[in-house]
């Protein structure tokens, strides 16, 4: 087999492995289970902005699910599935907010039909 043929075989194998990886990871995307109004926060214990966002969400009086990307395999896989590069990540319905942005969070949470408690 020539060098070019080996490269084509290698490229096909790598492409297949990558596709399989993407399919596996995509099943952990939180948007698969949030519907139009669910809320999921991806966080880490050491993250100050995560703590601040948690306080904001608690102050809004909304139910949300929090996944730690370092202590939870589900959190780690969700982090990879949404191709995040840092925390916090907030998923509201099908929308993703990367980083600390409480104003945008409040806007999307209201748009998803949640009634917010004003502090």
PDB file of N, CA and C in Angstrom:
ATOM      1  N   UNK A   1       0.855  -1.171   0.000  1.00  0.00           N
ATOM      2  CA  UNK A   1       0.000   0.000   0.000  1.00  0.00           C
ATOM      3  C   UNK A   1       0.902   1.235   0.000  1.00  0.00           C
ATOM      4  N   UNK A   2       0.563   2.213  -0.811  1.00  0.00           N
ATOM      5  CA  UNK A   2       1.388   3.418  -0.911  1.00  0.00           C
ATOM      6  C   UNK A   2       1.172   4.328   0.295  1.00  0.00           C
ATOM      7  N   UNK A   3       2.063   5.292   0.436  1.00  0.00           N
ATOM      8  CA  UNK A   3       1.974   6.242   1.548  1.00  0.00           C
ATOM      9  C   UNK A   3       0.672   7.028   1.540  1.00  0.00           C
ATOM     10  N   UNK A   4       0.214   7.418   0.349  1.00  0.00           N
ATOM     11  CA  UNK A   4      -1.043   8.177   0.245  1.00  0.00           C
ATOM     12  C   UNK A   4      -2.232   7.328   0.673  1.00  0.00           C
ATOM     13  N   UNK A   5      -2.198   6.059   0.311  1.00  0.00           N
ATOM     14  CA  UNK A   5      -3.294   5.161   0.696  1.00  0.00           C
ATOM     15  C   UNK A   5      -3.345   5.005   2.208  1.00  0.00           C
ATOM     16  N   UNK A   6      -2.176   4.875   2.843  1.00  0.00           N
ATOM     17  CA  UNK A   6      -2.134   4.767   4.308  1.00  0.00           C
ATOM     18  C   UNK A   6      -2.688   6.026   4.960  1.00  0.00           C
ATOM     19  N   UNK A   7      -2.337   7.174   4.401  1.00  0.00           N
ATOM     20  CA  UNK A   7      -2.855   8.430   4.946  1.00  0.00           C
ATOM     21  C   UNK A   7      -4.374   8.501   4.833  1.00  0.00           C
ATOM     22  N   UNK A   8      -4.909   8.042   3.719  1.00  0.00           N
ATOM     23  CA  UNK A   8      -6.367   8.031   3.554  1.00  0.00           C
ATOM     24  C   UNK A   8      -7.037   7.093   4.551  1.00  0.00           C
ATOM     25  N   UNK A   9      -6.445   5.920   4.753  1.00  0.00           N
ATOM     26  CA  UNK A   9      -6.986   4.964   5.723  1.00  0.00           C
ATOM     27  C   UNK A   9      -6.923   5.561   7.124  1.00  0.00           C
ATOM     28  N   UNK A  10      -5.784   6.169   7.458  1.00  0.00           N
ATOM     29  CA  UNK A  10      -5.623   6.787   8.777  1.00  0.00           C
ATOM     30  C   UNK A  10      -6.634   7.918   8.976  1.00  0.00           C
ATOM     31  N   UNK A  11      -6.796   8.759   7.957  1.00  0.00           N
ATOM     32  CA  UNK A  11      -7.757   9.862   8.045  1.00  0.00           C
ATOM     33  C   UNK A  11      -9.178   9.333   8.233  1.00  0.00           C
ATOM     34  N   UNK A  12      -9.526   8.274   7.529  1.00  0.00           N
ATOM     35  CA  UNK A  12     -10.862   7.687   7.661  1.00  0.00           C
ATOM     36  C   UNK A  12     -11.075   7.126   9.062  1.00  0.00           C
ATOM     37  N   UNK A  13     -10.059   6.458   9.596  1.00  0.00           N
ATOM     38  CA  UNK A  13     -10.168   5.910  10.954  1.00  0.00           C
ATOM     39  C   UNK A  13     -10.311   7.014  11.988  1.00  0.00           C
ATOM     40  N   UNK A  14      -9.466   8.038  11.878  1.00  0.00           N
ATOM     41  CA  UNK A  14      -9.547   9.147  12.829  1.00  0.00           C
ATOM     42  C   UNK A  14     -10.887   9.863  12.730  1.00  0.00           C
ATOM     43  N   UNK A  15     -11.362  10.055  11.507  1.00  0.00           N
ATOM     44  CA  UNK A  15     -12.672  10.677  11.321  1.00  0.00           C
ATOM     45  C   UNK A  15     -13.784   9.852  11.946  1.00  0.00           C
ATOM     46  N   UNK A  16     -13.705   8.542  11.795  1.00  0.00           N
ATOM     47  CA  UNK A  16     -14.704   7.654  12.396  1.00  0.00           C
ATOM     48  C   UNK A  16     -14.681   7.702  13.910  1.00  0.00           C
ATOM     49  N   UNK A  17     -13.467   7.700  14.484  1.00  0.00           N
ATOM     50  CA  UNK A  17     -13.348   7.788  15.942  1.00  0.00           C
ATOM     51  C   UNK A  17     -13.885   9.118  16.453  1.00  0.00           C
ATOM     52  N   UNK A  18     -13.579  10.203  15.740  1.00  0.00           N
ATOM     53  CA  UNK A  18     -14.057  11.517  16.153  1.00  0.00           C
ATOM     54  C   UNK A  18     -15.580  11.578  16.093  1.00  0.00           C
ATOM     55  N   UNK A  19     -16.162  11.047  15.031  1.00  0.00           N
ATOM     56  CA  UNK A  19     -17.619  11.026  14.897  1.00  0.00           C
ATOM     57  C   UNK A  19     -18.259  10.233  16.031  1.00  0.00           C
ATOM     58  N   UNK A  20     -17.693   9.089  16.356  1.00  0.00           N
ATOM     59  CA  UNK A  20     -18.205   8.259  17.451  1.00  0.00           C
ATOM     60  C   UNK A  20     -18.108   9.014  18.779  1.00  0.00           C
ATOM     61  N   UNK A  21     -16.981   9.706  18.997  1.00  0.00           N
ATOM     62  CA  UNK A  21     -16.784  10.508  20.208  1.00  0.00           C
ATOM     63  C   UNK A  21     -17.849  11.602  20.291  1.00  0.00           C
ATOM     64  N   UNK A  22     -18.077  12.316  19.188  1.00  0.00           N
ATOM     65  CA  UNK A  22     -19.071  13.382  19.176  1.00  0.00           C
ATOM     66  C   UNK A  22     -20.469  12.839  19.459  1.00  0.00           C
ATOM     67  N   UNK A  23     -20.793  11.683  18.909  1.00  0.00           N
ATOM     68  CA  UNK A  23     -22.103  11.078  19.165  1.00  0.00           C
ATOM     69  C   UNK A  23     -22.245  10.711  20.636  1.00  0.00           C
ATOM     70  N   UNK A  24     -21.181  10.169  21.227  1.00  0.00           N
ATOM     71  CA  UNK A  24     -21.219   9.784  22.643  1.00  0.00           C
ATOM     72  C   UNK A  24     -21.375  11.021  23.525  1.00  0.00           C
ATOM     73  N   UNK A  25     -20.589  12.038  23.257  1.00  0.00           N
ATOM     74  CA  UNK A  25     -20.614  13.254  24.061  1.00  0.00           C
ATOM     75  C   UNK A  25     -21.955  13.976  23.917  1.00  0.00           C
ATOM     76  N   UNK A  26     -22.510  14.006  22.713  1.00  0.00           N
ATOM     77  CA  UNK A  26     -23.738  14.771  22.486  1.00  0.00           C
ATOM     78  C   UNK A  26     -24.899  14.274  23.338  1.00  0.00           C
ATOM     79  N   UNK A  27     -24.874  13.021  23.754  1.00  0.00           N
ATOM     80  CA  UNK A  27     -25.965  12.529  24.599  1.00  0.00           C
ATOM     81  C   UNK A  27     -25.939  13.168  25.986  1.00  0.00           C
ATOM     82  N   UNK A  28     -24.820  13.795  26.361  1.00  0.00           N
ATOM     83  CA  UNK A  28     -24.712  14.442  27.667  1.00  0.00           C
ATOM     84  C   UNK A  28     -24.982  15.943  27.599  1.00  0.00           C
ATOM     85  N   UNK A  29     -25.354  16.437  26.428  1.00  0.00           N
ATOM     86  CA  UNK A  29     -25.657  17.856  26.284  1.00  0.00           C
ATOM     87  C   UNK A  29     -26.891  18.169  27.133  1.00  0.00           C
ATOM     88  N   UNK A  30     -26.774  19.085  28.097  1.00  0.00           N
ATOM     89  CA  UNK A  30     -27.914  19.395  28.973  1.00  0.00           C
ATOM     90  C   UNK A  30     -29.152  19.868  28.220  1.00  0.00           C
ATOM     91  N   UNK A  31     -28.971  20.416  27.030  1.00  0.00           N
ATOM     92  CA  UNK A  31     -30.127  20.891  26.257  1.00  0.00           C
ATOM     93  C   UNK A  31     -31.042  19.752  25.843  1.00  0.00           C
ATOM     94  N   UNK A  32     -30.544  18.517  25.886  1.00  0.00           N
ATOM     95  CA  UNK A  32     -31.387  17.362  25.568  1.00  0.00           C
ATOM     96  C   UNK A  32     -32.495  17.172  26.600  1.00  0.00           C
ATOM     97  N   UNK A  33     -32.275  17.639  27.822  1.00  0.00           N
ATOM     98  CA  UNK A  33     -33.257  17.405  28.887  1.00  0.00           C
ATOM     99  C   UNK A  33     -33.869  18.683  29.451  1.00  0.00           C
ATOM    100  N   UNK A  34     -33.441  19.859  28.981  1.00  0.00           N
ATOM    101  CA  UNK A  34     -33.979  21.095  29.547  1.00  0.00           C
ATOM    102  C   UNK A  34     -35.284  21.535  28.910  1.00  0.00           C
ATOM    103  N   UNK A  35     -35.596  21.002  27.733  1.00  0.00           N
ATOM    104  CA  UNK A  35     -36.808  21.460  27.056  1.00  0.00           C
ATOM    105  C   UNK A  35     -36.690  22.937  26.743  1.00  0.00           C
ATOM    106  N   UNK A  36     -37.806  23.656  26.883  1.00  0.00           N
ATOM    107  CA  UNK A  36     -37.800  25.092  26.595  1.00  0.00           C
ATOM    108  C   UNK A  36     -37.573  25.942  27.832  1.00  0.00           C
ATOM    109  N   UNK A  37     -37.684  25.335  29.018  1.00  0.00           N
ATOM    110  CA  UNK A  37     -37.620  26.171  30.218  1.00  0.00           C
ATOM    111  C   UNK A  37     -36.720  25.640  31.332  1.00  0.00           C
ATOM    112  N   UNK A  38     -36.068  24.514  31.140  1.00  0.00           N
ATOM    113  CA  UNK A  38     -35.183  23.973  32.175  1.00  0.00           C
ATOM    114  C   UNK A  38     -33.916  24.803  32.317  1.00  0.00           C
ATOM    115  N   UNK A  39     -33.327  24.753  33.507  1.00  0.00           N
ATOM    116  CA  UNK A  39     -32.125  25.540  33.795  1.00  0.00           C
ATOM    117  C   UNK A  39     -31.061  24.623  34.383  1.00  0.00           C
ATOM    118  N   UNK A  40     -29.867  24.652  33.789  1.00  0.00           N
ATOM    119  CA  UNK A  40     -28.733  23.866  34.275  1.00  0.00           C
ATOM    120  C   UNK A  40     -27.526  24.786  34.350  1.00  0.00           C
ATOM    121  N   UNK A  41     -26.798  24.713  35.465  1.00  0.00           N
ATOM    122  CA  UNK A  41     -25.559  25.469  35.603  1.00  0.00           C
ATOM    123  C   UNK A  41     -24.392  24.503  35.698  1.00  0.00           C
ATOM    124  N   UNK A  42     -23.368  24.722  34.880  1.00  0.00           N
ATOM    125  CA  UNK A  42     -22.125  23.969  34.965  1.00  0.00           C
ATOM    126  C   UNK A  42     -21.153  24.832  35.754  1.00  0.00           C
ATOM    127  N   UNK A  43     -20.549  24.240  36.775  1.00  0.00           N
ATOM    128  CA  UNK A  43     -19.743  25.031  37.697  1.00  0.00           C
ATOM    129  C   UNK A  43     -18.552  24.236  38.205  1.00  0.00           C
ATOM    130  N   UNK A  44     -17.745  24.912  39.025  1.00  0.00           N
ATOM    131  CA  UNK A  44     -16.647  24.274  39.753  1.00  0.00           C
ATOM    132  C   UNK A  44     -16.621  24.888  41.150  1.00  0.00           C
ATOM    133  N   UNK A  45     -16.261  24.099  42.132  1.00  0.00           N
ATOM    134  CA  UNK A  45     -16.282  24.539  43.531  1.00  0.00           C
ATOM    135  C   UNK A  45     -15.430  25.787  43.762  1.00  0.00           C
ATOM    136  N   UNK A  46     -14.280  25.868  43.131  1.00  0.00           N
ATOM    137  CA  UNK A  46     -13.336  26.961  43.347  1.00  0.00           C
ATOM    138  C   UNK A  46     -13.712  28.256  42.628  1.00  0.00           C
ATOM    139  N   UNK A  47     -14.712  28.209  41.771  1.00  0.00           N
ATOM    140  CA  UNK A  47     -15.043  29.319  40.875  1.00  0.00           C
ATOM    141  C   UNK A  47     -15.868  30.399  41.586  1.00  0.00           C
ATOM    142  N   UNK A  48     -15.276  31.574  41.746  1.00  0.00           N
ATOM    143  CA  UNK A  48     -15.972  32.687  42.386  1.00  0.00           C
ATOM    144  C   UNK A  48     -17.174  33.173  41.595  1.00  0.00           C
ATOM    145  N   UNK A  49     -17.061  33.203  40.279  1.00  0.00           N
ATOM    146  CA  UNK A  49     -18.192  33.622  39.449  1.00  0.00           C
ATOM    147  C   UNK A  49     -19.335  32.613  39.512  1.00  0.00           C
ATOM    148  N   UNK A  50     -18.986  31.336  39.696  1.00  0.00           N
ATOM    149  CA  UNK A  50     -20.028  30.307  39.856  1.00  0.00           C
ATOM    150  C   UNK A  50     -20.809  30.562  41.144  1.00  0.00           C
ATOM    151  N   UNK A  51     -20.075  30.891  42.205  1.00  0.00           N
ATOM    152  CA  UNK A  51     -20.720  31.185  43.485  1.00  0.00           C
ATOM    153  C   UNK A  51     -21.636  32.401  43.341  1.00  0.00           C
ATOM    154  N   UNK A  52     -21.150  33.430  42.654  1.00  0.00           N
ATOM    155  CA  UNK A  52     -21.960  34.632  42.454  1.00  0.00           C
ATOM    156  C   UNK A  52     -23.212  34.319  41.631  1.00  0.00           C
ATOM    157  N   UNK A  53     -23.066  33.514  40.590  1.00  0.00           N
ATOM    158  CA  UNK A  53     -24.223  33.155  39.764  1.00  0.00           C
ATOM    159  C   UNK A  53     -25.209  32.300  40.550  1.00  0.00           C
ATOM    160  N   UNK A  54     -24.686  31.402  41.379  1.00  0.00           N
ATOM    161  CA  UNK A  54     -25.544  30.571  42.239  1.00  0.00           C
ATOM    162  C   UNK A  54     -26.387  31.475  43.152  1.00  0.00           C
ATOM    163  N   UNK A  55     -25.760  32.492  43.742  1.00  0.00           N
ATOM    164  CA  UNK A  55     -26.486  33.433  44.604  1.00  0.00           C
ATOM    165  C   UNK A  55     -27.549  34.190  43.809  1.00  0.00           C
ATOM    166  N   UNK A  56     -27.209  34.588  42.589  1.00  0.00           N
ATOM    167  CA  UNK A  56     -28.183  35.271  41.722  1.00  0.00           C
ATOM    168  C   UNK A  56     -29.392  34.372  41.444  1.00  0.00           C
ATOM    169  N   UNK A  57     -29.114  33.122  41.055  1.00  0.00           N
ATOM    170  CA  UNK A  57     -30.203  32.183  40.742  1.00  0.00           C
ATOM    171  C   UNK A  57     -31.056  31.904  41.968  1.00  0.00           C
ATOM    172  N   UNK A  58     -30.405  31.713  43.110  1.00  0.00           N
ATOM    173  CA  UNK A  58     -31.159  31.490  44.346  1.00  0.00           C
ATOM    174  C   UNK A  58     -32.021  32.705  44.670  1.00  0.00           C
ATOM    175  N   UNK A  59     -31.471  33.905  44.440  1.00  0.00           N
ATOM    176  CA  UNK A  59     -32.220  35.134  44.680  1.00  0.00           C
ATOM    177  C   UNK A  59     -33.410  35.294  43.745  1.00  0.00           C
ATOM    178  N   UNK A  60     -33.309  34.730  42.556  1.00  0.00           N
ATOM    179  CA  UNK A  60     -34.417  34.790  41.594  1.00  0.00           C
ATOM    180  C   UNK A  60     -35.534  33.825  41.973  1.00  0.00           C
ATOM    181  N   UNK A  61     -35.215  32.860  42.831  1.00  0.00           N
ATOM    182  CA  UNK A  61     -36.221  31.897  43.268  1.00  0.00           C
ATOM    183  C   UNK A  61     -36.603  30.872  42.215  1.00  0.00           C
ATOM    184  N   UNK A  62     -35.675  30.554  41.314  1.00  0.00           N
ATOM    185  CA  UNK A  62     -35.972  29.560  40.274  1.00  0.00           C
ATOM    186  C   UNK A  62     -35.296  28.234  40.606  1.00  0.00           C
ATOM    187  N   UNK A  63     -35.920  27.162  40.160  1.00  0.00           N
ATOM    188  CA  UNK A  63     -35.316  25.840  40.311  1.00  0.00           C
ATOM    189  C   UNK A  63     -34.301  25.644  39.197  1.00  0.00           C
ATOM    190  N   UNK A  64     -33.157  25.113  39.548  1.00  0.00           N
ATOM    191  CA  UNK A  64     -32.132  24.813  38.554  1.00  0.00           C
ATOM    192  C   UNK A  64     -31.330  23.613  39.028  1.00  0.00           C
ATOM    193  N   UNK A  65     -30.637  23.030  38.085  1.00  0.00           N
ATOM    194  CA  UNK A  65     -29.783  21.885  38.387  1.00  0.00           C
ATOM    195  C   UNK A  65     -28.341  22.334  38.216  1.00  0.00           C
ATOM    196  N   UNK A  66     -27.487  21.978  39.167  1.00  0.00           N
ATOM    197  CA  UNK A  66     -26.079  22.357  39.087  1.00  0.00           C
ATOM    198  C   UNK A  66     -25.219  21.108  38.935  1.00  0.00           C
ATOM    199  N   UNK A  67     -24.312  21.148  37.969  1.00  0.00           N
ATOM    200  CA  UNK A  67     -23.387  20.046  37.730  1.00  0.00           C
ATOM    201  C   UNK A  67     -21.963  20.567  37.877  1.00  0.00           C
ATOM    202  N   UNK A  68     -21.210  19.973  38.799  1.00  0.00           N
ATOM    203  CA  UNK A  68     -19.808  20.341  38.983  1.00  0.00           C
ATOM    204  C   UNK A  68     -18.991  19.614  37.924  1.00  0.00           C
ATOM    205  N   UNK A  69     -18.213  20.358  37.166  1.00  0.00           N
ATOM    206  CA  UNK A  69     -17.467  19.754  36.051  1.00  0.00           C
ATOM    207  C   UNK A  69     -16.240  18.978  36.513  1.00  0.00           C
ATOM    208  N   UNK A  70     -15.867  19.126  37.778  1.00  0.00           N
ATOM    209  CA  UNK A  70     -14.678  18.433  38.279  1.00  0.00           C
ATOM    210  C   UNK A  70     -14.999  17.229  39.153  1.00  0.00           C
ATOM    211  N   UNK A  71     -16.139  17.247  39.814  1.00  0.00           N
ATOM    212  CA  UNK A  71     -16.467  16.146  40.726  1.00  0.00           C
ATOM    213  C   UNK A  71     -17.568  15.232  40.196  1.00  0.00           C
ATOM    214  N   UNK A  72     -18.146  15.595  39.066  1.00  0.00           N
ATOM    215  CA  UNK A  72     -19.241  14.813  38.493  1.00  0.00           C
ATOM    216  C   UNK A  72     -18.899  14.441  37.053  1.00  0.00           C
ATOM    217  N   UNK A  73     -18.943  13.153  36.746  1.00  0.00           N
ATOM    218  CA  UNK A  73     -18.690  12.729  35.366  1.00  0.00           C
ATOM    219  C   UNK A  73     -19.737  13.328  34.434  1.00  0.00           C
ATOM    220  N   UNK A  74     -20.975  13.383  34.898  1.00  0.00           N
ATOM    221  CA  UNK A  74     -22.034  13.985  34.084  1.00  0.00           C
ATOM    222  C   UNK A  74     -21.724  15.454  33.796  1.00  0.00           C
ATOM    223  N   UNK A  75     -21.226  16.160  34.823  1.00  0.00           N
ATOM    224  CA  UNK A  75     -20.852  17.557  34.638  1.00  0.00           C
ATOM    225  C   UNK A  75     -19.706  17.724  33.660  1.00  0.00           C
ATOM    226  N   UNK A  76     -18.703  16.869  33.785  1.00  0.00           N
ATOM    227  CA  UNK A  76     -17.553  16.922  32.877  1.00  0.00           C
ATOM    228  C   UNK A  76     -17.977  16.661  31.433  1.00  0.00           C
ATOM    229  N   UNK A  77     -18.826  15.656  31.237  1.00  0.00           N
ATOM    230  CA  UNK A  77     -19.285  15.325  29.886  1.00  0.00           C
ATOM    231  C   UNK A  77     -20.210  16.408  29.326  1.00  0.00           C
ATOM    232  N   UNK A  78     -21.034  17.005  30.178  1.00  0.00           N
ATOM    233  CA  UNK A  78     -21.896  18.106  29.739  1.00  0.00           C
ATOM    234  C   UNK A  78     -21.044  19.299  29.307  1.00  0.00           C
ATOM    235  N   UNK A  79     -19.988  19.575  30.060  1.00  0.00           N
ATOM    236  CA  UNK A  79     -19.050  20.656  29.751  1.00  0.00           C
ATOM    237  C   UNK A  79     -18.440  20.440  28.366  1.00  0.00           C
ATOM    238  N   UNK A  80     -18.027  19.205  28.099  1.00  0.00           N
ATOM    239  CA  UNK A  80     -17.459  18.871  26.790  1.00  0.00           C
ATOM    240  C   UNK A  80     -18.519  18.961  25.693  1.00  0.00           C
ATOM    241  N   UNK A  81     -19.729  18.510  25.997  1.00  0.00           N
ATOM    242  CA  UNK A  81     -20.796  18.475  24.990  1.00  0.00           C
ATOM    243  C   UNK A  81     -21.169  19.870  24.495  1.00  0.00           C
ATOM    244  N   UNK A  82     -21.129  20.861  25.380  1.00  0.00           N
ATOM    245  CA  UNK A  82     -21.467  22.224  24.964  1.00  0.00           C
ATOM    246  C   UNK A  82     -20.227  23.002  24.538  1.00  0.00           C
ATOM    247  N   UNK A  83     -19.098  22.292  24.496  1.00  0.00           N
ATOM    248  CA  UNK A  83     -17.818  22.868  24.057  1.00  0.00           C
ATOM    249  C   UNK A  83     -17.450  24.111  24.851  1.00  0.00           C
ATOM    250  N   UNK A  84     -17.635  24.010  26.148  1.00  0.00           N
ATOM    251  CA  UNK A  84     -17.306  25.121  27.030  1.00  0.00           C
ATOM    252  C   UNK A  84     -15.797  25.200  27.224  1.00  0.00           C
ATOM    253  N   UNK A  85     -15.346  26.394  27.540  1.00  0.00           N
ATOM    254  CA  UNK A  85     -13.920  26.608  27.799  1.00  0.00           C
ATOM    255  C   UNK A  85     -13.669  27.090  29.214  1.00  0.00           C
ATOM    256  N   UNK A  86     -14.731  27.404  29.916  1.00  0.00           N
ATOM    257  CA  UNK A  86     -14.605  27.882  31.283  1.00  0.00           C
ATOM    258  C   UNK A  86     -15.953  27.819  31.970  1.00  0.00           C
ATOM    259  N   UNK A  87     -15.956  28.120  33.247  1.00  0.00           N
ATOM    260  CA  UNK A  87     -17.184  28.142  34.030  1.00  0.00           C
ATOM    261  C   UNK A  87     -17.368  29.545  34.598  1.00  0.00           C
ATOM    262  N   UNK A  88     -18.585  29.927  34.918  1.00  0.00           N
ATOM    263  CA  UNK A  88     -19.817  29.155  34.825  1.00  0.00           C
ATOM    264  C   UNK A  88     -20.367  29.116  33.399  1.00  0.00           C
ATOM    265  N   UNK A  89     -21.190  28.096  33.173  1.00  0.00           N
ATOM    266  CA  UNK A  89     -21.981  27.986  31.947  1.00  0.00           C
ATOM    267  C   UNK A  89     -23.414  27.781  32.410  1.00  0.00           C
ATOM    268  N   UNK A  90     -24.317  28.595  31.905  1.00  0.00           N
ATOM    269  CA  UNK A  90     -25.725  28.475  32.270  1.00  0.00           C
ATOM    270  C   UNK A  90     -26.514  28.107  31.023  1.00  0.00           C
ATOM    271  N   UNK A  91     -27.283  27.039  31.129  1.00  0.00           N
ATOM    272  CA  UNK A  91     -28.152  26.612  30.036  1.00  0.00           C
ATOM    273  C   UNK A  91     -29.584  26.897  30.473  1.00  0.00           C
ATOM    274  N   UNK A  92     -30.270  27.713  29.694  1.00  0.00           N
ATOM    275  CA  UNK A  92     -31.677  28.033  29.948  1.00  0.00           C
ATOM    276  C   UNK A  92     -32.444  27.591  28.711  1.00  0.00           C
ATOM    277  N   UNK A  93     -33.217  26.528  28.863  1.00  0.00           N
ATOM    278  CA  UNK A  93     -33.888  25.960  27.695  1.00  0.00           C
ATOM    279  C   UNK A  93     -32.848  25.486  26.706  1.00  0.00           C
ATOM    280  N   UNK A  94     -32.838  26.068  25.531  1.00  0.00           N
ATOM    281  CA  UNK A  94     -31.878  25.694  24.489  1.00  0.00           C
ATOM    282  C   UNK A  94     -30.773  26.732  24.310  1.00  0.00           C
ATOM    283  N   UNK A  95     -30.759  27.728  25.172  1.00  0.00           N
ATOM    284  CA  UNK A  95     -29.767  28.807  25.087  1.00  0.00           C
ATOM    285  C   UNK A  95     -28.617  28.560  26.056  1.00  0.00           C
ATOM    286  N   UNK A  96     -27.423  28.979  25.666  1.00  0.00           N
ATOM    287  CA  UNK A  96     -26.233  28.820  26.501  1.00  0.00           C
ATOM    288  C   UNK A  96     -25.643  30.191  26.791  1.00  0.00           C
ATOM    289  N   UNK A  97     -25.374  30.441  28.067  1.00  0.00           N
ATOM    290  CA  UNK A  97     -24.668  31.648  28.484  1.00  0.00           C
ATOM    291  C   UNK A  97     -23.313  31.201  29.008  1.00  0.00           C
ATOM    292  N   UNK A  98     -22.259  31.664  28.369  1.00  0.00           N
ATOM    293  CA  UNK A  98     -20.904  31.318  28.792  1.00  0.00           C
ATOM    294  C   UNK A  98     -20.361  32.471  29.624  1.00  0.00           C
ATOM    295  N   UNK A  99     -19.948  32.159  30.853  1.00  0.00           N
ATOM    296  CA  UNK A  99     -19.429  33.197  31.731  1.00  0.00           C
ATOM    297  C   UNK A  99     -20.512  33.782  32.625  1.00  0.00           C
ATOM    298  N   UNK A 100     -20.099  34.718  33.463  1.00  0.00           N
ATOM    299  CA  UNK A 100     -20.998  35.342  34.436  1.00  0.00           C
ATOM    300  C   UNK A 100     -21.719  36.509  33.777  1.00  0.00           C
ATOM    301  N   UNK A 101     -23.011  36.360  33.560  1.00  0.00           N
ATOM    302  CA  UNK A 101     -23.814  37.403  32.942  1.00  0.00           C
ATOM    303  C   UNK A 101     -25.222  37.342  33.538  1.00  0.00           C
ATOM    304  N   UNK A 102     -25.384  37.853  34.771  1.00  0.00           N
ATOM    305  CA  UNK A 102     -26.681  37.733  35.448  1.00  0.00           C
ATOM    306  C   UNK A 102     -27.816  38.463  34.728  1.00  0.00           C
ATOM    307  N   UNK A 103     -27.502  39.560  34.030  1.00  0.00           N
ATOM    308  CA  UNK A 103     -28.551  40.276  33.305  1.00  0.00           C
ATOM    309  C   UNK A 103     -29.119  39.404  32.184  1.00  0.00           C
ATOM    310  N   UNK A 104     -28.229  38.768  31.421  1.00  0.00           N
ATOM    311  CA  UNK A 104     -28.676  37.878  30.334  1.00  0.00           C
ATOM    312  C   UNK A 104     -29.412  36.665  30.904  1.00  0.00           C
ATOM    313  N   UNK A 105     -28.919  36.152  32.030  1.00  0.00           N
ATOM    314  CA  UNK A 105     -29.575  35.014  32.679  1.00  0.00           C
ATOM    315  C   UNK A 105     -31.007  35.381  33.060  1.00  0.00           C
ATOM    316  N   UNK A 106     -31.161  36.537  33.676  1.00  0.00           N
ATOM    317  CA  UNK A 106     -32.492  37.001  34.091  1.00  0.00           C
ATOM    318  C   UNK A 106     -33.408  37.141  32.867  1.00  0.00           C
ATOM    319  N   UNK A 107     -32.869  37.696  31.795  1.00  0.00           N
ATOM    320  CA  UNK A 107     -33.640  37.893  30.559  1.00  0.00           C
ATOM    321  C   UNK A 107     -34.113  36.553  29.981  1.00  0.00           C
ATOM    322  N   UNK A 108     -33.206  35.584  29.879  1.00  0.00           N
ATOM    323  CA  UNK A 108     -33.572  34.284  29.309  1.00  0.00           C
ATOM    324  C   UNK A 108     -34.512  33.502  30.225  1.00  0.00           C
ATOM    325  N   UNK A 109     -34.299  33.614  31.521  1.00  0.00           N
ATOM    326  CA  UNK A 109     -35.156  32.898  32.476  1.00  0.00           C
ATOM    327  C   UNK A 109     -36.579  33.447  32.417  1.00  0.00           C
ATOM    328  N   UNK A 110     -36.708  34.766  32.332  1.00  0.00           N
ATOM    329  CA  UNK A 110     -38.045  35.363  32.167  1.00  0.00           C
ATOM    330  C   UNK A 110     -38.674  34.916  30.850  1.00  0.00           C
ATOM    331  N   UNK A 111     -37.882  34.953  29.775  1.00  0.00           N
ATOM    332  CA  UNK A 111     -38.391  34.568  28.453  1.00  0.00           C
ATOM    333  C   UNK A 111     -38.827  33.105  28.426  1.00  0.00           C
ATOM    334  N   UNK A 112     -38.225  32.278  29.291  1.00  0.00           N
ATOM    335  CA  UNK A 112     -38.593  30.863  29.367  1.00  0.00           C
ATOM    336  C   UNK A 112     -39.877  30.655  30.167  1.00  0.00           C
ATOM    337  N   UNK A 113     -40.437  31.740  30.707  1.00  0.00           N
ATOM    338  CA  UNK A 113     -41.719  31.649  31.396  1.00  0.00           C
ATOM    339  C   UNK A 113     -41.650  31.546  32.902  1.00  0.00           C
ATOM    340  N   UNK A 114     -40.465  31.722  33.468  1.00  0.00           N
ATOM    341  CA  UNK A 114     -40.333  31.643  34.925  1.00  0.00           C
ATOM    342  C   UNK A 114     -40.703  32.979  35.563  1.00  0.00           C
ATOM    343  N   UNK A 115     -41.352  32.909  36.712  1.00  0.00           N
ATOM    344  CA  UNK A 115     -41.627  34.094  37.510  1.00  0.00           C
ATOM    345  C   UNK A 115     -40.478  34.258  38.484  1.00  0.00           C
ATOM    346  N   UNK A 116     -39.860  35.435  38.470  1.00  0.00           N
ATOM    347  CA  UNK A 116     -38.689  35.666  39.308  1.00  0.00           C
ATOM    348  C   UNK A 116     -39.073  36.360  40.600  1.00  0.00           C
ATOM    349  N   UNK A 117     -38.393  35.968  41.655  1.00  0.00           N
ATOM    350  CA  UNK A 117     -38.519  36.644  42.935  1.00  0.00           C
ATOM    351  C   UNK A 117     -37.556  37.814  42.906  1.00  0.00           C
ATOM    352  N   UNK A 118     -38.034  38.986  43.163  1.00  0.00           N
ATOM    353  CA  UNK A 118     -37.145  40.156  43.193  1.00  0.00           C
ATOM    354  C   UNK A 118     -36.568  40.311  44.587  1.00  0.00           C
ATOM    355  N   UNK A 119     -35.290  40.560  44.639  1.00  0.00           N
ATOM    356  CA  UNK A 119     -34.628  40.727  45.940  1.00  0.00           C
ATOM    357  C   UNK A 119     -34.795  42.122  46.448  1.00  0.00           C
TER     358      UNK A 119
END
